[in-house]
Amino acid sequence: MATKLFVGNLSFDTTEDDLRELFQKSGQVVSCEIVLDKFSGRSRGFGFVQMASQDEATKAIADCHGYRLAGRPLTVNEARPREERPRGDFGGGRGRRF
């Protein structure tokens, strides 16, 4: 079963091809994604790589955590499910008096 890895501290210039090339040294890469800011379209400095097996994911963590890519040491660990955050009421202040 595929295992998803979190990859942090990416340079804003790092591409998905750069990540794929690095992680393929540790095993079969199923998918690779750099998370982009929805407004600017620029990298948010982190992404996800999905490895084909748990063993390959473990090897990728050992090989790539701390590896310097584009001059920055990578943070690599197994991805955790996203925590649900309550949507805050940012309201416009209608009806409020201070």
PDB file of N, CA and C in Angstrom:
ATOM      1  N   MET A   1       0.838  -1.181   0.000  1.00  0.00           N
ATOM      2  CA  MET A   1       0.000   0.000   0.000  1.00  0.00           C
ATOM      3  C   MET A   1       0.886   1.249   0.000  1.00  0.00           C
ATOM      4  N   ALA A   2       0.489   2.253  -0.742  1.00  0.00           N
ATOM      5  CA  ALA A   2       1.275   3.482  -0.865  1.00  0.00           C
ATOM      6  C   ALA A   2       1.283   4.261   0.450  1.00  0.00           C
ATOM      7  N   THR A   3       2.391   4.934   0.702  1.00  0.00           N
ATOM      8  CA  THR A   3       2.550   5.738   1.906  1.00  0.00           C
ATOM      9  C   THR A   3       2.890   7.164   1.505  1.00  0.00           C
ATOM     10  N   LYS A   4       2.157   8.113   2.072  1.00  0.00           N
ATOM     11  CA  LYS A   4       2.329   9.525   1.740  1.00  0.00           C
ATOM     12  C   LYS A   4       3.295  10.170   2.724  1.00  0.00           C
ATOM     13  N   LEU A   5       4.249  10.932   2.190  1.00  0.00           N
ATOM     14  CA  LEU A   5       5.246  11.629   2.993  1.00  0.00           C
ATOM     15  C   LEU A   5       5.055  13.137   2.880  1.00  0.00           C
ATOM     16  N   PHE A   6       5.243  13.827   3.994  1.00  0.00           N
ATOM     17  CA  PHE A   6       5.274  15.287   4.025  1.00  0.00           C
ATOM     18  C   PHE A   6       6.706  15.710   3.773  1.00  0.00           C
ATOM     19  N   VAL A   7       6.901  16.701   2.913  1.00  0.00           N
ATOM     20  CA  VAL A   7       8.236  17.240   2.635  1.00  0.00           C
ATOM     21  C   VAL A   7       8.170  18.746   2.871  1.00  0.00           C
ATOM     22  N   GLY A   8       8.899  19.221   3.874  1.00  0.00           N
ATOM     23  CA  GLY A   8       8.873  20.625   4.229  1.00  0.00           C
ATOM     24  C   GLY A   8      10.203  21.313   4.016  1.00  0.00           C
ATOM     25  N   ASN A   9      10.191  22.633   4.168  1.00  0.00           N
ATOM     26  CA  ASN A   9      11.350  23.506   4.011  1.00  0.00           C
ATOM     27  C   ASN A   9      11.865  23.522   2.569  1.00  0.00           C
ATOM     28  N   LEU A  10      10.927  23.452   1.631  1.00  0.00           N
ATOM     29  CA  LEU A  10      11.305  23.498   0.218  1.00  0.00           C
ATOM     30  C   LEU A  10      11.610  24.930  -0.213  1.00  0.00           C
ATOM     31  N   SER A  11      12.589  25.064  -1.080  1.00  0.00           N
ATOM     32  CA  SER A  11      12.853  26.343  -1.731  1.00  0.00           C
ATOM     33  C   SER A  11      11.651  26.660  -2.615  1.00  0.00           C
ATOM     34  N   PHE A  12      11.340  27.939  -2.766  1.00  0.00           N
ATOM     35  CA  PHE A  12      10.216  28.325  -3.620  1.00  0.00           C
ATOM     36  C   PHE A  12      10.482  27.984  -5.086  1.00  0.00           C
ATOM     37  N   ASP A  13      11.734  27.696  -5.434  1.00  0.00           N
ATOM     38  CA  ASP A  13      12.096  27.363  -6.809  1.00  0.00           C
ATOM     39  C   ASP A  13      12.074  25.867  -7.087  1.00  0.00           C
ATOM     40  N   THR A  14      11.874  25.041  -6.063  1.00  0.00           N
ATOM     41  CA  THR A  14      11.857  23.592  -6.236  1.00  0.00           C
ATOM     42  C   THR A  14      10.622  23.179  -7.028  1.00  0.00           C
ATOM     43  N   THR A  15      10.813  22.273  -7.984  1.00  0.00           N
ATOM     44  CA  THR A  15       9.707  21.790  -8.810  1.00  0.00           C
ATOM     45  C   THR A  15       9.323  20.374  -8.400  1.00  0.00           C
ATOM     46  N   GLU A  16       8.164  19.928  -8.874  1.00  0.00           N
ATOM     47  CA  GLU A  16       7.734  18.560  -8.609  1.00  0.00           C
ATOM     48  C   GLU A  16       8.707  17.572  -9.251  1.00  0.00           C
ATOM     49  N   ASP A  17       9.272  17.916 -10.409  1.00  0.00           N
ATOM     50  CA  ASP A  17      10.264  17.057 -11.045  1.00  0.00           C
ATOM     51  C   ASP A  17      11.517  16.917 -10.179  1.00  0.00           C
ATOM     52  N   ASP A  18      11.931  18.007  -9.518  1.00  0.00           N
ATOM     53  CA  ASP A  18      13.086  17.951  -8.611  1.00  0.00           C
ATOM     54  C   ASP A  18      12.814  16.959  -7.482  1.00  0.00           C
ATOM     55  N   LEU A  19      11.618  17.047  -6.897  1.00  0.00           N
ATOM     56  CA  LEU A  19      11.259  16.135  -5.800  1.00  0.00           C
ATOM     57  C   LEU A  19      11.212  14.693  -6.280  1.00  0.00           C
ATOM     58  N   ARG A  20      10.564  14.474  -7.407  1.00  0.00           N
ATOM     59  CA  ARG A  20      10.437  13.114  -7.954  1.00  0.00           C
ATOM     60  C   ARG A  20      11.821  12.509  -8.185  1.00  0.00           C
ATOM     61  N   GLU A  21      12.718  13.280  -8.778  1.00  0.00           N
ATOM     62  CA  GLU A  21      14.075  12.797  -9.068  1.00  0.00           C
ATOM     63  C   GLU A  21      14.803  12.404  -7.781  1.00  0.00           C
ATOM     64  N   LEU A  22      14.672  13.223  -6.742  1.00  0.00           N
ATOM     65  CA  LEU A  22      15.331  12.928  -5.471  1.00  0.00           C
ATOM     66  C   LEU A  22      14.754  11.670  -4.820  1.00  0.00           C
ATOM     67  N   PHE A  23      13.432  11.573  -4.752  1.00  0.00           N
ATOM     68  CA  PHE A  23      12.797  10.475  -4.038  1.00  0.00           C
ATOM     69  C   PHE A  23      12.846   9.155  -4.803  1.00  0.00           C
ATOM     70  N   GLN A  24      12.999   9.197  -6.115  1.00  0.00           N
ATOM     71  CA  GLN A  24      13.107   7.967  -6.896  1.00  0.00           C
ATOM     72  C   GLN A  24      14.358   7.177  -6.541  1.00  0.00           C
ATOM     73  N   LYS A  25      15.339   7.828  -5.951  1.00  0.00           N
ATOM     74  CA  LYS A  25      16.554   7.133  -5.519  1.00  0.00           C
ATOM     75  C   LYS A  25      16.255   6.166  -4.372  1.00  0.00           C
ATOM     76  N   SER A  26      15.119   6.389  -3.685  1.00  0.00           N
ATOM     77  CA  SER A  26      14.752   5.557  -2.542  1.00  0.00           C
ATOM     78  C   SER A  26      13.688   4.528  -2.887  1.00  0.00           C
ATOM     79  N   GLY A  27      13.094   4.618  -4.078  1.00  0.00           N
ATOM     80  CA  GLY A  27      12.056   3.668  -4.466  1.00  0.00           C
ATOM     81  C   GLY A  27      11.103   4.269  -5.473  1.00  0.00           C
ATOM     82  N   GLN A  28       9.998   3.559  -5.700  1.00  0.00           N
ATOM     83  CA  GLN A  28       9.014   3.985  -6.692  1.00  0.00           C
ATOM     84  C   GLN A  28       8.143   5.107  -6.147  1.00  0.00           C
ATOM     85  N   VAL A  29       8.121   6.239  -6.876  1.00  0.00           N
ATOM     86  CA  VAL A  29       7.290   7.381  -6.510  1.00  0.00           C
ATOM     87  C   VAL A  29       5.953   7.243  -7.234  1.00  0.00           C
ATOM     88  N   VAL A  30       4.859   7.189  -6.463  1.00  0.00           N
ATOM     89  CA  VAL A  30       3.522   7.069  -7.030  1.00  0.00           C
ATOM     90  C   VAL A  30       3.016   8.438  -7.468  1.00  0.00           C
ATOM     91  N   SER A  31       3.212   9.447  -6.621  1.00  0.00           N
ATOM     92  CA  SER A  31       2.789  10.808  -6.962  1.00  0.00           C
ATOM     93  C   SER A  31       3.647  11.810  -6.221  1.00  0.00           C
ATOM     94  N   CYS A  32       3.607  13.025  -6.731  1.00  0.00           N
ATOM     95  CA  CYS A  32       4.421  14.092  -6.171  1.00  0.00           C
ATOM     96  C   CYS A  32       3.647  15.399  -6.351  1.00  0.00           C
ATOM     97  N   GLU A  33       3.555  16.192  -5.273  1.00  0.00           N
ATOM     98  CA  GLU A  33       2.783  17.431  -5.348  1.00  0.00           C
ATOM     99  C   GLU A  33       3.428  18.496  -4.469  1.00  0.00           C
ATOM    100  N   ILE A  34       3.612  19.682  -5.025  1.00  0.00           N
ATOM    101  CA  ILE A  34       4.040  20.833  -4.238  1.00  0.00           C
ATOM    102  C   ILE A  34       2.790  21.682  -4.029  1.00  0.00           C
ATOM    103  N   VAL A  35       2.523  22.056  -2.780  1.00  0.00           N
ATOM    104  CA  VAL A  35       1.324  22.820  -2.454  1.00  0.00           C
ATOM    105  C   VAL A  35       1.552  24.284  -2.825  1.00  0.00           C
ATOM    106  N   LEU A  36       0.586  24.838  -3.559  1.00  0.00           N
ATOM    107  CA  LEU A  36       0.677  26.215  -4.040  1.00  0.00           C
ATOM    108  C   LEU A  36      -0.313  27.107  -3.311  1.00  0.00           C
ATOM    109  N   ASP A  37       0.070  28.358  -3.145  1.00  0.00           N
ATOM    110  CA  ASP A  37      -0.832  29.360  -2.584  1.00  0.00           C
ATOM    111  C   ASP A  37      -1.950  29.609  -3.593  1.00  0.00           C
ATOM    112  N   LYS A  38      -3.194  29.576  -3.120  1.00  0.00           N
ATOM    113  CA  LYS A  38      -4.318  29.688  -4.061  1.00  0.00           C
ATOM    114  C   LYS A  38      -4.465  31.087  -4.652  1.00  0.00           C
ATOM    115  N   PHE A  39      -3.890  32.088  -4.029  1.00  0.00           N
ATOM    116  CA  PHE A  39      -4.011  33.452  -4.555  1.00  0.00           C
ATOM    117  C   PHE A  39      -2.849  33.825  -5.468  1.00  0.00           C
ATOM    118  N   SER A  40      -1.627  33.525  -5.046  1.00  0.00           N
ATOM    119  CA  SER A  40      -0.456  33.934  -5.830  1.00  0.00           C
ATOM    120  C   SER A  40       0.025  32.859  -6.796  1.00  0.00           C
ATOM    121  N   GLY A  41      -0.330  31.593  -6.529  1.00  0.00           N
ATOM    122  CA  GLY A  41       0.150  30.501  -7.373  1.00  0.00           C
ATOM    123  C   GLY A  41       1.578  30.087  -7.079  1.00  0.00           C
ATOM    124  N   ARG A  42       2.185  30.699  -6.067  1.00  0.00           N
ATOM    125  CA  ARG A  42       3.570  30.366  -5.681  1.00  0.00           C
ATOM    126  C   ARG A  42       3.574  29.210  -4.701  1.00  0.00           C
ATOM    127  N   SER A  43       4.698  28.530  -4.632  1.00  0.00           N
ATOM    128  CA  SER A  43       4.876  27.433  -3.689  1.00  0.00           C
ATOM    129  C   SER A  43       4.701  27.928  -2.261  1.00  0.00           C
ATOM    130  N   ARG A  44       4.093  27.096  -1.419  1.00  0.00           N
ATOM    131  CA  ARG A  44       3.973  27.427   0.000  1.00  0.00           C
ATOM    132  C   ARG A  44       5.147  26.842   0.792  1.00  0.00           C
ATOM    133  N   GLY A  45       6.106  26.209   0.102  1.00  0.00           N
ATOM    134  CA  GLY A  45       7.315  25.714   0.766  1.00  0.00           C
ATOM    135  C   GLY A  45       7.199  24.305   1.318  1.00  0.00           C
ATOM    136  N   PHE A  46       6.129  23.597   0.938  1.00  0.00           N
ATOM    137  CA  PHE A  46       6.014  22.199   1.349  1.00  0.00           C
ATOM    138  C   PHE A  46       5.240  21.430   0.295  1.00  0.00           C
ATOM    139  N   GLY A  47       5.315  20.103   0.412  1.00  0.00           N
ATOM    140  CA  GLY A  47       4.613  19.259  -0.545  1.00  0.00           C
ATOM    141  C   GLY A  47       4.477  17.850  -0.016  1.00  0.00           C
ATOM    142  N   PHE A  48       4.029  16.966  -0.884  1.00  0.00           N
ATOM    143  CA  PHE A  48       3.802  15.573  -0.516  1.00  0.00           C
ATOM    144  C   PHE A  48       4.334  14.670  -1.606  1.00  0.00           C
ATOM    145  N   VAL A  49       4.948  13.562  -1.179  1.00  0.00           N
ATOM    146  CA  VAL A  49       5.427  12.538  -2.098  1.00  0.00           C
ATOM    147  C   VAL A  49       4.819  11.227  -1.627  1.00  0.00           C
ATOM    148  N   GLN A  50       4.234  10.482  -2.544  1.00  0.00           N
ATOM    149  CA  GLN A  50       3.645   9.203  -2.202  1.00  0.00           C
ATOM    150  C   GLN A  50       4.542   8.106  -2.745  1.00  0.00           C
ATOM    151  N   MET A  51       5.025   7.258  -1.828  1.00  0.00           N
ATOM    152  CA  MET A  51       5.891   6.145  -2.190  1.00  0.00           C
ATOM    153  C   MET A  51       5.046   4.880  -2.322  1.00  0.00           C
ATOM    154  N   ALA A  52       5.516   3.923  -3.141  1.00  0.00           N
ATOM    155  CA  ALA A  52       4.734   2.732  -3.455  1.00  0.00           C
ATOM    156  C   ALA A  52       4.535   1.797  -2.265  1.00  0.00           C
ATOM    157  N   SER A  53       5.469   1.773  -1.312  1.00  0.00           N
ATOM    158  CA  SER A  53       5.337   0.863  -0.172  1.00  0.00           C
ATOM    159  C   SER A  53       5.853   1.524   1.106  1.00  0.00           C
ATOM    160  N   GLN A  54       5.495   0.935   2.219  1.00  0.00           N
ATOM    161  CA  GLN A  54       5.963   1.433   3.521  1.00  0.00           C
ATOM    162  C   GLN A  54       7.482   1.331   3.622  1.00  0.00           C
ATOM    163  N   ASP A  55       8.051   0.239   3.110  1.00  0.00           N
ATOM    164  CA  ASP A  55       9.517   0.077   3.161  1.00  0.00           C
ATOM    165  C   ASP A  55      10.232   1.170   2.367  1.00  0.00           C
ATOM    166  N   GLU A  56       9.690   1.498   1.198  1.00  0.00           N
ATOM    167  CA  GLU A  56      10.299   2.562   0.389  1.00  0.00           C
ATOM    168  C   GLU A  56      10.121   3.918   1.057  1.00  0.00           C
ATOM    169  N   ALA A  57       8.990   4.119   1.707  1.00  0.00           N
ATOM    170  CA  ALA A  57       8.762   5.376   2.430  1.00  0.00           C
ATOM    171  C   ALA A  57       9.749   5.510   3.585  1.00  0.00           C
ATOM    172  N   THR A  58       9.953   4.427   4.322  1.00  0.00           N
ATOM    173  CA  THR A  58      10.910   4.444   5.438  1.00  0.00           C
ATOM    174  C   THR A  58      12.317   4.751   4.931  1.00  0.00           C
ATOM    175  N   LYS A  59      12.692   4.145   3.797  1.00  0.00           N
ATOM    176  CA  LYS A  59      14.009   4.402   3.203  1.00  0.00           C
ATOM    177  C   LYS A  59      14.104   5.862   2.743  1.00  0.00           C
ATOM    178  N   ALA A  60      13.035   6.393   2.159  1.00  0.00           N
ATOM    179  CA  ALA A  60      13.042   7.780   1.688  1.00  0.00           C
ATOM    180  C   ALA A  60      13.200   8.752   2.855  1.00  0.00           C
ATOM    181  N   ILE A  61      12.548   8.470   3.978  1.00  0.00           N
ATOM    182  CA  ILE A  61      12.698   9.327   5.158  1.00  0.00           C
ATOM    183  C   ILE A  61      14.156   9.308   5.618  1.00  0.00           C
ATOM    184  N   ALA A  62      14.739   8.114   5.701  1.00  0.00           N
ATOM    185  CA  ALA A  62      16.136   7.988   6.137  1.00  0.00           C
ATOM    186  C   ALA A  62      17.089   8.686   5.168  1.00  0.00           C
ATOM    187  N   ASP A  63      16.819   8.566   3.878  1.00  0.00           N
ATOM    188  CA  ASP A  63      17.710   9.139   2.858  1.00  0.00           C
ATOM    189  C   ASP A  63      17.540  10.651   2.697  1.00  0.00           C
ATOM    190  N   CYS A  64      16.313  11.144   2.828  1.00  0.00           N
ATOM    191  CA  CYS A  64      16.031  12.525   2.430  1.00  0.00           C
ATOM    192  C   CYS A  64      15.845  13.516   3.576  1.00  0.00           C
ATOM    193  N   HIS A  65      15.540  13.044   4.786  1.00  0.00           N
ATOM    194  CA  HIS A  65      15.373  13.981   5.904  1.00  0.00           C
ATOM    195  C   HIS A  65      16.720  14.635   6.194  1.00  0.00           C
ATOM    196  N   GLY A  66      16.780  15.941   6.116  1.00  0.00           N
ATOM    197  CA  GLY A  66      18.026  16.672   6.330  1.00  0.00           C
ATOM    198  C   GLY A  66      18.838  16.874   5.059  1.00  0.00           C
ATOM    199  N   TYR A  67      18.448  16.210   3.968  1.00  0.00           N
ATOM    200  CA  TYR A  67      19.148  16.364   2.691  1.00  0.00           C
ATOM    201  C   TYR A  67      18.996  17.811   2.213  1.00  0.00           C
ATOM    202  N   ARG A  68      20.070  18.402   1.749  1.00  0.00           N
ATOM    203  CA  ARG A  68      20.024  19.792   1.281  1.00  0.00           C
ATOM    204  C   ARG A  68      19.638  19.812  -0.203  1.00  0.00           C
ATOM    205  N   LEU A  69      18.466  20.372  -0.473  1.00  0.00           N
ATOM    206  CA  LEU A  69      17.975  20.532  -1.836  1.00  0.00           C
ATOM    207  C   LEU A  69      17.826  22.028  -2.080  1.00  0.00           C
ATOM    208  N   ALA A  70      18.492  22.523  -3.095  1.00  0.00           N
ATOM    209  CA  ALA A  70      18.497  23.961  -3.403  1.00  0.00           C
ATOM    210  C   ALA A  70      18.957  24.768  -2.189  1.00  0.00           C
ATOM    211  N   GLY A  71      19.916  24.209  -1.436  1.00  0.00           N
ATOM    212  CA  GLY A  71      20.515  24.917  -0.310  1.00  0.00           C
ATOM    213  C   GLY A  71      19.723  24.869   0.986  1.00  0.00           C
ATOM    214  N   ARG A  72      18.622  24.102   1.026  1.00  0.00           N
ATOM    215  CA  ARG A  72      17.784  24.049   2.230  1.00  0.00           C
ATOM    216  C   ARG A  72      17.660  22.605   2.715  1.00  0.00           C
ATOM    217  N   PRO A  73      17.855  22.380   4.020  1.00  0.00           N
ATOM    218  CA  PRO A  73      17.706  21.016   4.548  1.00  0.00           C
ATOM    219  C   PRO A  73      16.217  20.631   4.611  1.00  0.00           C
ATOM    220  N   LEU A  74      15.880  19.516   3.976  1.00  0.00           N
ATOM    221  CA  LEU A  74      14.487  19.085   3.913  1.00  0.00           C
ATOM    222  C   LEU A  74      14.013  18.477   5.225  1.00  0.00           C
ATOM    223  N   THR A  75      12.755  18.668   5.512  1.00  0.00           N
ATOM    224  CA  THR A  75      12.074  17.972   6.597  1.00  0.00           C
ATOM    225  C   THR A  75      11.190  16.933   5.930  1.00  0.00           C
ATOM    226  N   VAL A  76      11.426  15.658   6.241  1.00  0.00           N
ATOM    227  CA  VAL A  76      10.647  14.586   5.617  1.00  0.00           C
ATOM    228  C   VAL A  76      10.127  13.667   6.710  1.00  0.00           C
ATOM    229  N   ASN A  77       8.821  13.468   6.746  1.00  0.00           N
ATOM    230  CA  ASN A  77       8.227  12.501   7.666  1.00  0.00           C
ATOM    231  C   ASN A  77       6.916  11.998   7.088  1.00  0.00           C
ATOM    232  N   GLU A  78       6.369  10.977   7.724  1.00  0.00           N
ATOM    233  CA  GLU A  78       5.115  10.417   7.238  1.00  0.00           C
ATOM    234  C   GLU A  78       4.002  11.441   7.442  1.00  0.00           C
ATOM    235  N   ALA A  79       3.216  11.633   6.396  1.00  0.00           N
ATOM    236  CA  ALA A  79       2.136  12.624   6.449  1.00  0.00           C
ATOM    237  C   ALA A  79       1.046  12.144   7.399  1.00  0.00           C
ATOM    238  N   ARG A  80       0.501  13.088   8.143  1.00  0.00           N
ATOM    239  CA  ARG A  80      -0.626  12.809   9.036  1.00  0.00           C
ATOM    240  C   ARG A  80      -1.881  13.398   8.413  1.00  0.00           C
ATOM    241  N   PRO A  81      -3.030  12.828   8.727  1.00  0.00           N
ATOM    242  CA  PRO A  81      -4.275  13.409   8.189  1.00  0.00           C
ATOM    243  C   PRO A  81      -4.429  14.850   8.656  1.00  0.00           C
ATOM    244  N   ARG A  82      -4.989  15.653   7.791  1.00  0.00           N
ATOM    245  CA  ARG A  82      -5.192  17.062   8.109  1.00  0.00           C
ATOM    246  C   ARG A  82      -6.195  17.191   9.246  1.00  0.00           C
ATOM    247  N   GLU A  83      -5.853  18.027  10.207  1.00  0.00           N
ATOM    248  CA  GLU A  83      -6.760  18.250  11.334  1.00  0.00           C
ATOM    249  C   GLU A  83      -7.877  19.171  10.893  1.00  0.00           C
ATOM    250  N   GLU A  84      -9.074  18.836  11.329  1.00  0.00           N
ATOM    251  CA  GLU A  84     -10.208  19.705  11.040  1.00  0.00           C
ATOM    252  C   GLU A  84     -10.120  20.928  11.944  1.00  0.00           C
ATOM    253  N   ARG A  85     -10.200  22.082  11.337  1.00  0.00           N
ATOM    254  CA  ARG A  85     -10.179  23.324  12.106  1.00  0.00           C
ATOM    255  C   ARG A  85     -11.534  23.983  11.988  1.00  0.00           C
ATOM    256  N   PRO A  86     -12.054  24.465  13.099  1.00  0.00           N
ATOM    257  CA  PRO A  86     -13.350  25.138  13.004  1.00  0.00           C
ATOM    258  C   PRO A  86     -13.206  26.432  12.206  1.00  0.00           C
ATOM    259  N   ARG A  87     -14.194  26.719  11.412  1.00  0.00           N
ATOM    260  CA  ARG A  87     -14.180  27.959  10.648  1.00  0.00           C
ATOM    261  C   ARG A  87     -14.576  29.081  11.584  1.00  0.00           C
ATOM    262  N   GLY A  88     -13.682  30.000  11.784  1.00  0.00           N
ATOM    263  CA  GLY A  88     -13.949  31.106  12.695  1.00  0.00           C
ATOM    264  C   GLY A  88     -14.910  32.115  12.083  1.00  0.00           C
ATOM    265  N   ASP A  89     -15.621  32.801  12.930  1.00  0.00           N
ATOM    266  CA  ASP A  89     -16.510  33.858  12.464  1.00  0.00           C
ATOM    267  C   ASP A  89     -15.683  35.139  12.415  1.00  0.00           C
ATOM    268  N   PHE A  90     -15.344  35.534  11.212  1.00  0.00           N
ATOM    269  CA  PHE A  90     -14.523  36.723  11.056  1.00  0.00           C
ATOM    270  C   PHE A  90     -15.393  37.950  10.856  1.00  0.00           C
ATOM    271  N   GLY A  91     -16.673  37.760  10.816  1.00  0.00           N
ATOM    272  CA  GLY A  91     -17.701  38.774  10.673  1.00  0.00           C
ATOM    273  C   GLY A  91     -17.260  40.186  10.372  1.00  0.00           C
ATOM    274  N   GLY A  92     -18.177  40.987  10.003  1.00  0.00           N
ATOM    275  CA  GLY A  92     -17.868  42.365   9.661  1.00  0.00           C
ATOM    276  C   GLY A  92     -18.175  43.333  10.787  1.00  0.00           C
ATOM    277  N   GLY A  93     -18.515  42.825  11.942  1.00  0.00           N
ATOM    278  CA  GLY A  93     -18.765  43.692  13.069  1.00  0.00           C
ATOM    279  C   GLY A  93     -20.178  44.232  13.149  1.00  0.00           C
ATOM    280  N   ARG A  94     -21.057  43.715  12.321  1.00  0.00           N
ATOM    281  CA  ARG A  94     -22.446  44.186  12.360  1.00  0.00           C
ATOM    282  C   ARG A  94     -23.092  43.832  13.693  1.00  0.00           C
ATOM    283  N   GLY A  95     -23.746  44.827  14.279  1.00  0.00           N
ATOM    284  CA  GLY A  95     -24.480  44.567  15.504  1.00  0.00           C
ATOM    285  C   GLY A  95     -23.602  44.501  16.742  1.00  0.00           C
ATOM    286  N   ARG A  96     -22.304  44.687  16.582  1.00  0.00           N
ATOM    287  CA  ARG A  96     -21.404  44.624  17.728  1.00  0.00           C
ATOM    288  C   ARG A  96     -21.093  46.025  18.218  1.00  0.00           C
ATOM    289  N   ARG A  97     -21.056  46.169  19.496  1.00  0.00           N
ATOM    290  CA  ARG A  97     -20.653  47.445  20.092  1.00  0.00           C
ATOM    291  C   ARG A  97     -19.538  47.184  21.080  1.00  0.00           C
ATOM    292  N   PHE A  98     -18.560  48.016  21.029  1.00  0.00           N
ATOM    293  CA  PHE A  98     -17.422  47.849  21.941  1.00  0.00           C
ATOM    294  C   PHE A  98     -17.441  48.856  23.026  1.00  0.00           C
TER     295      PHE A  98
END
